[in-house]
Protein backbone atom coordinates (compact mmCIF):
# COMPACT_ATOMS: atom_id res chain seq x y z
CA MET A 1 0.00 0.00 0.00
CA ASN A 2 1.43 3.34 -1.08
CA THR A 3 0.83 5.99 1.61
CA LYS A 4 3.23 8.57 0.27
CA ALA A 5 1.69 12.06 0.28
CA LYS A 6 1.78 13.99 -2.96
CA ALA A 7 3.77 17.20 -2.92
CA HIS A 8 1.73 20.35 -3.40
CA LEU A 9 3.15 22.14 -6.39
CA ALA A 10 2.69 25.85 -6.96
CA PRO A 11 0.26 26.56 -9.79
CA THR A 12 1.84 27.45 -13.08
CA ALA A 13 1.45 30.92 -14.58
CA ALA A 14 -0.84 29.46 -17.24
CA ALA A 15 -3.06 27.85 -14.60
CA GLN A 16 -3.29 31.16 -12.71
CA ARG A 17 -4.26 33.03 -15.89
CA MET A 18 -6.93 30.43 -16.64
CA ARG A 19 -8.36 30.76 -13.11
CA ARG A 20 -8.53 34.55 -13.44
CA TYR A 21 -10.17 34.21 -16.87
CA ARG A 22 -12.80 31.76 -15.57
CA ASP A 23 -13.45 33.97 -12.55
CA ARG A 24 -14.04 36.96 -14.84
CA LEU A 25 -16.45 34.91 -16.96
CA LYS A 26 -18.43 33.88 -13.87
CA ARG A 27 -18.71 37.51 -12.80
CA GLY A 28 -19.66 38.66 -16.31
CA LYS A 29 -16.50 40.74 -16.63
CA CYS A 30 -13.99 41.12 -19.44
CA ILE A 31 -10.75 42.91 -20.16
CA VAL A 32 -10.95 45.58 -22.84
CA PRO A 33 -7.57 46.48 -24.31
CA VAL A 34 -7.43 50.10 -25.39
CA GLU A 35 -4.47 51.85 -26.97
CA ALA A 36 -4.18 55.41 -25.70
CA ASP A 37 -1.64 58.04 -24.75
CA LYS A 38 -1.22 57.39 -21.02
CA GLY A 39 -0.14 60.94 -20.24
CA GLN A 40 -3.01 62.53 -22.14
CA VAL A 41 -5.60 60.23 -20.57
CA ALA A 42 -4.16 60.78 -17.09
CA ASP A 43 -4.15 64.57 -17.59
CA GLN A 44 -7.80 64.53 -18.67
CA LEU A 45 -8.78 62.34 -15.72
CA VAL A 46 -6.98 64.71 -13.34
CA ASP A 47 -8.78 67.69 -14.95
CA LEU A 48 -12.12 65.90 -14.46
CA GLY A 49 -11.30 65.24 -10.82
CA ALA A 50 -11.41 61.48 -11.34
CA LEU A 51 -7.70 60.94 -10.69
CA GLU A 52 -5.23 62.47 -8.27
CA GLU A 53 -2.03 63.86 -9.80
CA TRP A 54 0.16 61.51 -7.75
CA ASP A 55 -1.67 58.53 -9.29
CA ALA A 56 -1.12 59.66 -12.89
CA GLU A 57 1.65 57.09 -13.48
CA SER A 58 -0.33 54.13 -12.11
CA LEU A 59 -2.14 52.10 -14.78
CA THR A 60 -4.30 50.55 -12.06
CA ALA A 61 -5.35 53.98 -10.78
CA ILE A 62 -6.05 55.19 -14.33
CA GLY A 63 -8.18 52.12 -15.02
CA ASN A 64 -10.11 52.58 -11.77
CA ALA A 65 -10.72 56.25 -12.59
CA ILE A 66 -12.09 55.33 -16.01
CA LEU A 67 -14.42 52.75 -14.41
CA GLN A 68 -15.63 55.36 -11.91
CA LEU A 69 -16.39 57.81 -14.72
CA ALA A 70 -18.25 55.12 -16.64
CA ALA A 71 -20.31 54.27 -13.54
CA ARG A 72 -21.13 57.96 -12.99
CA LYS A 73 -22.28 58.26 -16.59
CA GLN A 74 -24.31 55.05 -16.36
CA PHE A 75 -26.13 56.15 -13.22
CA GLY A 76 -26.47 59.79 -14.26
CA ALA A 77 -24.23 61.17 -11.54
C-alpha cells in the first residue's frame, strides 16, 4: 500500500491566468484592451477630478478612474 503524500506544487502561470479568466467569466466581466496616450488620458482624468495627480503614473489607478467615470455616466451622476 502506497501511503506517500503527494507534494503540493505551486500553480503554473498558465493555470493562474486560466483561473482569473474563468473567474471573470463567472462575474460577467472582461478585459478591454485600449491603446491610448497614457499621459493625455491621465491629464484629462486629473482635470475631471477622477484621478489624483500623484496617481497619474499608475495604470491601475487610471483604469479605476475610467471605471468610476463610466459608472457615474451610467447612473447619471
